[in-house]
Amino acid sequence: MSRTPTPGAYALTGGVLFDFGGTLDADGLPWRTRFLRLCRDEGLVADPERFDPIFYAADDALVGTIPATLSLRDTVERLALDLSRALGGAEAAGRRIADRFLADVLARIEINRALLARLHERYRLGVVSNFYGNLVTVCHNAGIHPFFSVIVDSTRVGCSKPDPRIFQSALDELALAPADVVFVGDSLPRDMAGARAIGMRHVWLVGDAAPPSAPCCPGDRTLHSLGELEGLLL
């Protein structure tokens, strides 16, 4: 797929929904991948096969167990400290991982802020994310909350992507039909499959690397950077 999308390919949409982790805060890299890299830099782990179950256990442990008011910084720090501890690392290593992760998140969101501001002038925007229960607070902390008409956190609505109900929850609040909305996310099995199941157009953010598989539907668009989205919509 070319890095230059066909202008207007997804025009006439009424709304745009985004995933959060890996999409708004990174160009196609999920939290697991980014934490693995940082843990490797600290010398805590080299083998993804060892890391993955530790990450998913720490990630799952946060779901529904943290207050809705927990900040972005505290969320990242709690996860980083749990990972460092589980991998046999010191608290200082966990705090370094958290600091670096948070710095990358805020830098990427700052880059995407201008795009969100422009899209906000034309479309109704929203976030649909499998998250811990504090996504609204996290979006406030990141300074992007004013751009969104709806923020759907899986823990708060009781269902997760790719369940079509989580997408429908956002559509209901936007008062838009699936055909009038585009979903942008970095996960093929969660974001793309879920949006497809409800009849919503979908754009796969794959980052700099070649996508590991073909898009889920013929003619689907892939982006290497969120900044390319504007060319699809306008």
C-alpha atoms as a PDB file:
ATOM      1  CA  MET A   1       0.000   0.000   0.000  1.00  0.00           C
ATOM      2  CA  SER A   2       1.306   3.412  -0.942  1.00  0.00           C
ATOM      3  CA  ARG A   3       2.156   5.883   1.769  1.00  0.00           C
ATOM      4  CA  THR A   4       0.023   8.433  -0.102  1.00  0.00           C
ATOM      5  CA  PRO A   5      -3.671   7.508   0.231  1.00  0.00           C
ATOM      6  CA  THR A   6      -6.068   8.271  -2.582  1.00  0.00           C
ATOM      7  CA  PRO A   7      -7.529  11.713  -1.824  1.00  0.00           C
ATOM      8  CA  GLY A   8     -11.127  11.592  -0.691  1.00  0.00           C
ATOM      9  CA  ALA A   9     -11.267   7.792  -0.650  1.00  0.00           C
ATOM     10  CA  TYR A  10     -13.369   7.792   2.515  1.00  0.00           C
ATOM     11  CA  ALA A  11     -15.141  11.103   1.948  1.00  0.00           C
ATOM     12  CA  LEU A  12     -18.703  11.966   3.006  1.00  0.00           C
ATOM     13  CA  THR A  13     -18.298  10.386   6.409  1.00  0.00           C
ATOM     14  CA  GLY A  14     -20.138  11.915   9.349  1.00  0.00           C
ATOM     15  CA  GLY A  15     -17.821  10.726  12.093  1.00  0.00           C
ATOM     16  CA  VAL A  16     -14.435   9.210  12.830  1.00  0.00           C
ATOM     17  CA  LEU A  17     -13.805   6.808  15.696  1.00  0.00           C
ATOM     18  CA  PHE A  18     -10.311   6.015  16.939  1.00  0.00           C
ATOM     19  CA  ASP A  19      -8.697   3.351  19.039  1.00  0.00           C
ATOM     20  CA  PHE A  20      -6.499   4.852  21.774  1.00  0.00           C
ATOM     21  CA  GLY A  21      -3.462   2.712  22.616  1.00  0.00           C
ATOM     22  CA  GLY A  22      -1.345   2.114  19.532  1.00  0.00           C
ATOM     23  CA  THR A  23      -3.378   4.542  17.427  1.00  0.00           C
ATOM     24  CA  LEU A  24      -3.741   7.981  18.991  1.00  0.00           C
ATOM     25  CA  ASP A  25      -0.623   7.558  21.141  1.00  0.00           C
ATOM     26  CA  ALA A  26       1.590   5.714  18.620  1.00  0.00           C
ATOM     27  CA  ASP A  27       1.712   5.029  14.906  1.00  0.00           C
ATOM     28  CA  GLY A  28       0.546   1.441  14.914  1.00  0.00           C
ATOM     29  CA  LEU A  29       2.544   0.078  17.875  1.00  0.00           C
ATOM     30  CA  PRO A  30       0.508  -1.500  20.696  1.00  0.00           C
ATOM     31  CA  TRP A  31       1.475  -1.050  24.342  1.00  0.00           C
ATOM     32  CA  ARG A  32       2.791  -4.619  24.551  1.00  0.00           C
ATOM     33  CA  THR A  33       5.327  -4.029  21.782  1.00  0.00           C
ATOM     34  CA  ARG A  34       6.514  -0.732  23.238  1.00  0.00           C
ATOM     35  CA  PHE A  35       6.850  -2.073  26.779  1.00  0.00           C
ATOM     36  CA  LEU A  36       8.777  -5.075  25.457  1.00  0.00           C
ATOM     37  CA  ARG A  37      11.304  -2.781  23.797  1.00  0.00           C
ATOM     38  CA  LEU A  38      11.758  -0.742  26.961  1.00  0.00           C
ATOM     39  CA  CYS A  39      12.117  -3.835  29.128  1.00  0.00           C
ATOM     40  CA  ARG A  40      14.723  -5.146  26.703  1.00  0.00           C
ATOM     41  CA  ASP A  41      16.628  -1.872  26.988  1.00  0.00           C
ATOM     42  CA  GLU A  42      16.693  -2.375  30.767  1.00  0.00           C
ATOM     43  CA  GLY A  43      18.025  -5.891  30.328  1.00  0.00           C
ATOM     44  CA  LEU A  44      14.942  -7.417  31.944  1.00  0.00           C
ATOM     45  CA  VAL A  45      13.857  -9.693  29.105  1.00  0.00           C
ATOM     46  CA  ALA A  46      14.990 -10.751  25.653  1.00  0.00           C
ATOM     47  CA  ASP A  47      12.413 -13.340  24.646  1.00  0.00           C
ATOM     48  CA  PRO A  48       8.922 -12.175  23.630  1.00  0.00           C
ATOM     49  CA  GLU A  49       7.561 -15.615  24.493  1.00  0.00           C
ATOM     50  CA  ARG A  50       8.544 -15.021  28.105  1.00  0.00           C
ATOM     51  CA  PHE A  51       7.394 -11.409  28.106  1.00  0.00           C
ATOM     52  CA  ASP A  52       3.942 -11.792  26.553  1.00  0.00           C
ATOM     53  CA  PRO A  53       2.209 -13.778  29.333  1.00  0.00           C
ATOM     54  CA  ILE A  54       3.757 -11.485  31.962  1.00  0.00           C
ATOM     55  CA  PHE A  55       2.534  -8.404  30.137  1.00  0.00           C
ATOM     56  CA  TYR A  56      -0.983  -9.737  29.616  1.00  0.00           C
ATOM     57  CA  ALA A  57      -1.241 -10.753  33.284  1.00  0.00           C
ATOM     58  CA  ALA A  58      -0.159  -7.274  34.435  1.00  0.00           C
ATOM     59  CA  ASP A  59      -2.428  -5.626  31.870  1.00  0.00           C
ATOM     60  CA  ASP A  60      -5.445  -7.722  32.844  1.00  0.00           C
ATOM     61  CA  ALA A  61      -4.840  -7.032  36.521  1.00  0.00           C
ATOM     62  CA  LEU A  62      -5.553  -3.321  35.947  1.00  0.00           C
ATOM     63  CA  VAL A  63      -8.875  -3.847  34.185  1.00  0.00           C
ATOM     64  CA  GLY A  64     -11.691  -2.739  36.439  1.00  0.00           C
ATOM     65  CA  THR A  65      -9.455  -2.489  39.510  1.00  0.00           C
ATOM     66  CA  ILE A  66      -8.314   1.111  39.239  1.00  0.00           C
ATOM     67  CA  PRO A  67     -10.360   4.255  39.918  1.00  0.00           C
ATOM     68  CA  ALA A  68     -11.839   6.142  36.996  1.00  0.00           C
ATOM     69  CA  THR A  69      -9.792   9.143  38.125  1.00  0.00           C
ATOM     70  CA  LEU A  70      -6.380   7.422  37.915  1.00  0.00           C
ATOM     71  CA  SER A  71      -4.109   9.611  35.793  1.00  0.00           C
ATOM     72  CA  LEU A  72      -2.296   8.632  32.624  1.00  0.00           C
ATOM     73  CA  ARG A  73       1.042   8.908  34.431  1.00  0.00           C
ATOM     74  CA  ASP A  74      -0.080   6.745  37.331  1.00  0.00           C
ATOM     75  CA  THR A  75      -1.572   4.161  34.985  1.00  0.00           C
ATOM     76  CA  VAL A  76       1.638   3.838  32.998  1.00  0.00           C
ATOM     77  CA  GLU A  77       3.744   3.784  36.141  1.00  0.00           C
ATOM     78  CA  ARG A  78       1.640   1.103  37.786  1.00  0.00           C
ATOM     79  CA  LEU A  79       1.905  -1.135  34.727  1.00  0.00           C
ATOM     80  CA  ALA A  80       5.647  -0.514  34.327  1.00  0.00           C
ATOM     81  CA  LEU A  81       6.371  -1.256  37.984  1.00  0.00           C
ATOM     82  CA  ASP A  82       4.326  -4.453  37.852  1.00  0.00           C
ATOM     83  CA  LEU A  83       6.216  -5.582  34.748  1.00  0.00           C
ATOM     84  CA  SER A  84       9.614  -4.778  36.232  1.00  0.00           C
ATOM     85  CA  ARG A  85       8.754  -6.633  39.428  1.00  0.00           C
ATOM     86  CA  ALA A  86       7.460  -9.687  37.573  1.00  0.00           C
ATOM     87  CA  LEU A  87      10.623  -9.777  35.449  1.00  0.00           C
ATOM     88  CA  GLY A  88      12.889  -9.571  38.485  1.00  0.00           C
ATOM     89  CA  GLY A  89      13.859  -5.944  38.003  1.00  0.00           C
ATOM     90  CA  ALA A  90      14.266  -3.155  40.515  1.00  0.00           C
ATOM     91  CA  GLU A  91      11.749  -0.394  41.153  1.00  0.00           C
ATOM     92  CA  ALA A  92      14.141   2.101  39.588  1.00  0.00           C
ATOM     93  CA  ALA A  93      14.025   0.166  36.308  1.00  0.00           C
ATOM     94  CA  GLY A  94      10.231   0.247  36.351  1.00  0.00           C
ATOM     95  CA  ARG A  95      10.223   3.995  36.890  1.00  0.00           C
ATOM     96  CA  ARG A  96      12.661   4.544  34.014  1.00  0.00           C
ATOM     97  CA  ILE A  97      10.450   2.425  31.763  1.00  0.00           C
ATOM     98  CA  ALA A  98       7.395   4.434  32.816  1.00  0.00           C
ATOM     99  CA  ASP A  99       9.132   7.769  32.205  1.00  0.00           C
ATOM    100  CA  ARG A 100      10.275   6.781  28.723  1.00  0.00           C
ATOM    101  CA  PHE A 101       6.930   5.268  27.782  1.00  0.00           C
ATOM    102  CA  LEU A 102       5.007   8.324  28.952  1.00  0.00           C
ATOM    103  CA  ALA A 103       7.364  10.696  27.155  1.00  0.00           C
ATOM    104  CA  ASP A 104       6.799   8.813  23.891  1.00  0.00           C
ATOM    105  CA  VAL A 105       3.016   8.821  24.401  1.00  0.00           C
ATOM    106  CA  LEU A 106       2.848  12.553  25.026  1.00  0.00           C
ATOM    107  CA  ALA A 107       5.177  13.341  22.126  1.00  0.00           C
ATOM    108  CA  ARG A 108       3.058  11.355  19.685  1.00  0.00           C
ATOM    109  CA  ILE A 109      -0.205  12.800  20.968  1.00  0.00           C
ATOM    110  CA  GLU A 110       1.238  16.287  20.602  1.00  0.00           C
ATOM    111  CA  ILE A 111       1.994  15.510  16.944  1.00  0.00           C
ATOM    112  CA  ASN A 112      -1.550  14.207  16.419  1.00  0.00           C
ATOM    113  CA  ARG A 113      -3.234  17.101  18.215  1.00  0.00           C
ATOM    114  CA  ALA A 114      -3.241  19.384  15.151  1.00  0.00           C
ATOM    115  CA  LEU A 115      -4.795  16.617  13.040  1.00  0.00           C
ATOM    116  CA  LEU A 116      -7.532  16.046  15.611  1.00  0.00           C
ATOM    117  CA  ALA A 117      -8.239  19.773  15.753  1.00  0.00           C
ATOM    118  CA  ARG A 118      -8.715  19.947  11.982  1.00  0.00           C
ATOM    119  CA  LEU A 119     -10.880  16.830  11.844  1.00  0.00           C
ATOM    120  CA  HIS A 120     -12.933  18.112  14.762  1.00  0.00           C
ATOM    121  CA  GLU A 121     -14.008  21.053  12.613  1.00  0.00           C
ATOM    122  CA  ARG A 122     -15.508  18.721   9.987  1.00  0.00           C
ATOM    123  CA  TYR A 123     -16.589  15.529  11.728  1.00  0.00           C
ATOM    124  CA  ARG A 124     -17.861  14.166  15.010  1.00  0.00           C
ATOM    125  CA  LEU A 125     -14.956  12.332  16.640  1.00  0.00           C
ATOM    126  CA  GLY A 126     -14.842   9.616  19.246  1.00  0.00           C
ATOM    127  CA  VAL A 127     -12.649   7.013  20.926  1.00  0.00           C
ATOM    128  CA  VAL A 128     -13.507   3.335  21.350  1.00  0.00           C
ATOM    129  CA  SER A 129     -10.870   1.444  23.302  1.00  0.00           C
ATOM    130  CA  ASN A 130     -10.326  -1.703  25.315  1.00  0.00           C
ATOM    131  CA  PHE A 131      -9.117   0.074  28.421  1.00  0.00           C
ATOM    132  CA  TYR A 132      -8.923  -0.096  32.202  1.00  0.00           C
ATOM    133  CA  GLY A 133     -11.884   2.065  33.201  1.00  0.00           C
ATOM    134  CA  ASN A 134     -10.146   5.460  33.303  1.00  0.00           C
ATOM    135  CA  LEU A 135      -9.984   6.365  29.623  1.00  0.00           C
ATOM    136  CA  VAL A 136     -11.872   9.645  30.050  1.00  0.00           C
ATOM    137  CA  THR A 137      -9.325  10.782  32.644  1.00  0.00           C
ATOM    138  CA  VAL A 138      -6.453   9.651  30.418  1.00  0.00           C
ATOM    139  CA  CYS A 139      -7.805  11.678  27.484  1.00  0.00           C
ATOM    140  CA  HIS A 140      -8.135  14.704  29.780  1.00  0.00           C
ATOM    141  CA  ASN A 141      -4.513  14.264  30.909  1.00  0.00           C
ATOM    142  CA  ALA A 142      -3.361  13.983  27.306  1.00  0.00           C
ATOM    143  CA  GLY A 143      -5.162  17.217  26.409  1.00  0.00           C
ATOM    144  CA  ILE A 144      -7.329  15.661  23.683  1.00  0.00           C
ATOM    145  CA  HIS A 145     -10.650  15.235  25.485  1.00  0.00           C
ATOM    146  CA  PRO A 146     -12.266  18.399  23.953  1.00  0.00           C
ATOM    147  CA  PHE A 147     -11.979  16.936  20.448  1.00  0.00           C
ATOM    148  CA  PHE A 148     -14.238  13.967  21.184  1.00  0.00           C
ATOM    149  CA  SER A 149     -18.025  13.792  21.311  1.00  0.00           C
ATOM    150  CA  VAL A 150     -17.867  10.288  22.799  1.00  0.00           C
ATOM    151  CA  ILE A 151     -15.254   8.235  24.678  1.00  0.00           C
ATOM    152  CA  VAL A 152     -16.136   4.563  25.120  1.00  0.00           C
ATOM    153  CA  ASP A 153     -14.048   2.564  27.604  1.00  0.00           C
ATOM    154  CA  SER A 154     -14.617  -1.208  27.423  1.00  0.00           C
ATOM    155  CA  THR A 155     -14.503  -1.579  31.202  1.00  0.00           C
ATOM    156  CA  ARG A 156     -17.238   1.039  31.624  1.00  0.00           C
ATOM    157  CA  VAL A 157     -19.630  -0.418  29.039  1.00  0.00           C
ATOM    158  CA  GLY A 158     -19.023  -4.082  29.887  1.00  0.00           C
ATOM    159  CA  CYS A 159     -17.918  -5.319  26.470  1.00  0.00           C
ATOM    160  CA  SER A 160     -14.681  -5.219  24.507  1.00  0.00           C
ATOM    161  CA  LYS A 161     -13.624  -5.019  20.886  1.00  0.00           C
ATOM    162  CA  PRO A 162     -14.284  -6.815  18.599  1.00  0.00           C
ATOM    163  CA  ASP A 163     -17.772  -7.138  20.124  1.00  0.00           C
ATOM    164  CA  PRO A 164     -20.039  -5.016  17.875  1.00  0.00           C
ATOM    165  CA  ARG A 165     -21.871  -3.710  20.951  1.00  0.00           C
ATOM    166  CA  ILE A 166     -18.956  -1.493  21.971  1.00  0.00           C
ATOM    167  CA  PHE A 167     -18.989   0.171  18.550  1.00  0.00           C
ATOM    168  CA  GLN A 168     -22.768   0.497  18.660  1.00  0.00           C
ATOM    169  CA  SER A 169     -22.469   2.255  22.023  1.00  0.00           C
ATOM    170  CA  ALA A 170     -20.404   4.982  20.361  1.00  0.00           C
ATOM    171  CA  LEU A 171     -22.706   5.205  17.358  1.00  0.00           C
ATOM    172  CA  ASP A 172     -25.741   5.607  19.596  1.00  0.00           C
ATOM    173  CA  GLU A 173     -24.157   8.557  21.383  1.00  0.00           C
ATOM    174  CA  LEU A 174     -23.142  10.143  18.083  1.00  0.00           C
ATOM    175  CA  ALA A 175     -26.582   9.464  16.559  1.00  0.00           C
ATOM    176  CA  LEU A 176     -24.866   8.176  13.424  1.00  0.00           C
ATOM    177  CA  ALA A 177     -25.278   5.030  11.328  1.00  0.00           C
ATOM    178  CA  PRO A 178     -22.337   2.649  10.825  1.00  0.00           C
ATOM    179  CA  ALA A 179     -22.128   3.582   7.137  1.00  0.00           C
ATOM    180  CA  ASP A 180     -21.521   7.218   8.093  1.00  0.00           C
ATOM    181  CA  VAL A 181     -18.502   6.504  10.294  1.00  0.00           C
ATOM    182  CA  VAL A 182     -14.904   5.405   9.768  1.00  0.00           C
ATOM    183  CA  PHE A 183     -12.990   3.512  12.441  1.00  0.00           C
ATOM    184  CA  VAL A 184      -9.203   3.868  12.721  1.00  0.00           C
ATOM    185  CA  GLY A 185      -7.179   1.366  14.730  1.00  0.00           C
ATOM    186  CA  ASP A 186      -3.978  -0.653  14.864  1.00  0.00           C
ATOM    187  CA  SER A 187      -5.379  -4.134  15.611  1.00  0.00           C
ATOM    188  CA  LEU A 188      -6.623  -6.405  12.853  1.00  0.00           C
ATOM    189  CA  PRO A 189      -8.543  -8.860  15.112  1.00  0.00           C
ATOM    190  CA  ARG A 190     -10.026  -6.248  17.439  1.00  0.00           C
ATOM    191  CA  ASP A 191     -10.379  -2.968  15.560  1.00  0.00           C
ATOM    192  CA  MET A 192     -10.769  -4.017  11.934  1.00  0.00           C
ATOM    193  CA  ALA A 193     -12.824  -7.169  12.587  1.00  0.00           C
ATOM    194  CA  GLY A 194     -15.093  -5.381  15.046  1.00  0.00           C
ATOM    195  CA  ALA A 195     -15.768  -2.436  12.748  1.00  0.00           C
ATOM    196  CA  ARG A 196     -16.395  -4.780   9.830  1.00  0.00           C
ATOM    197  CA  ALA A 197     -18.893  -6.791  11.876  1.00  0.00           C
ATOM    198  CA  ILE A 198     -21.076  -3.729  12.445  1.00  0.00           C
ATOM    199  CA  GLY A 199     -20.781  -2.443   8.881  1.00  0.00           C
ATOM    200  CA  MET A 200     -18.393   0.412   9.557  1.00  0.00           C
ATOM    201  CA  ARG A 201     -15.616   1.398   7.190  1.00  0.00           C
ATOM    202  CA  HIS A 202     -12.220   0.811   8.746  1.00  0.00           C
ATOM    203  CA  VAL A 203      -8.640   1.964   8.281  1.00  0.00           C
ATOM    204  CA  TRP A 204      -5.726  -0.087   9.590  1.00  0.00           C
ATOM    205  CA  LEU A 205      -2.805   1.855  11.081  1.00  0.00           C
ATOM    206  CA  VAL A 206       0.176  -0.438  10.514  1.00  0.00           C
ATOM    207  CA  GLY A 207       3.105   1.842  11.350  1.00  0.00           C
ATOM    208  CA  ASP A 208       6.453   1.765   9.580  1.00  0.00           C
ATOM    209  CA  ALA A 209       6.683  -2.010   9.286  1.00  0.00           C
ATOM    210  CA  ALA A 210       4.953  -3.971   6.568  1.00  0.00           C
ATOM    211  CA  PRO A 211       1.618  -5.321   7.830  1.00  0.00           C
ATOM    212  CA  PRO A 212       1.907  -8.936   9.032  1.00  0.00           C
ATOM    213  CA  SER A 213      -1.097  -9.944   6.941  1.00  0.00           C
ATOM    214  CA  ALA A 214      -3.481  -8.604   4.334  1.00  0.00           C
ATOM    215  CA  PRO A 215      -6.271  -6.211   5.353  1.00  0.00           C
ATOM    216  CA  CYS A 216      -9.460  -7.951   6.408  1.00  0.00           C
ATOM    217  CA  CYS A 217     -11.543  -6.741   3.458  1.00  0.00           C
ATOM    218  CA  PRO A 218     -10.744  -6.161  -0.239  1.00  0.00           C
ATOM    219  CA  GLY A 219      -9.996  -2.513  -0.868  1.00  0.00           C
ATOM    220  CA  ASP A 220      -9.278  -1.706   2.774  1.00  0.00           C
ATOM    221  CA  ARG A 221      -6.853   1.138   3.387  1.00  0.00           C
ATOM    222  CA  THR A 222      -3.724   0.921   5.485  1.00  0.00           C
ATOM    223  CA  LEU A 223      -1.856   3.897   6.911  1.00  0.00           C
ATOM    224  CA  HIS A 224       1.744   4.142   8.020  1.00  0.00           C
ATOM    225  CA  SER A 225       1.071   7.297  10.014  1.00  0.00           C
ATOM    226  CA  LEU A 226      -2.080   8.774  11.488  1.00  0.00           C
ATOM    227  CA  GLY A 227      -1.234  11.985   9.655  1.00  0.00           C
ATOM    228  CA  GLU A 228      -2.114  10.232   6.376  1.00  0.00           C
ATOM    229  CA  LEU A 229      -5.751   9.897   7.474  1.00  0.00           C
ATOM    230  CA  GLU A 230      -6.643  13.417   6.422  1.00  0.00           C
ATOM    231  CA  GLY A 231      -5.963  12.584   2.782  1.00  0.00           C
ATOM    232  CA  LEU A 232      -8.490   9.758   2.919  1.00  0.00           C
ATOM    233  CA  LEU A 233     -11.267  11.844   4.401  1.00  0.00           C
ATOM    234  CA  LEU A 234     -11.038  15.222   2.718  1.00  0.00           C
END
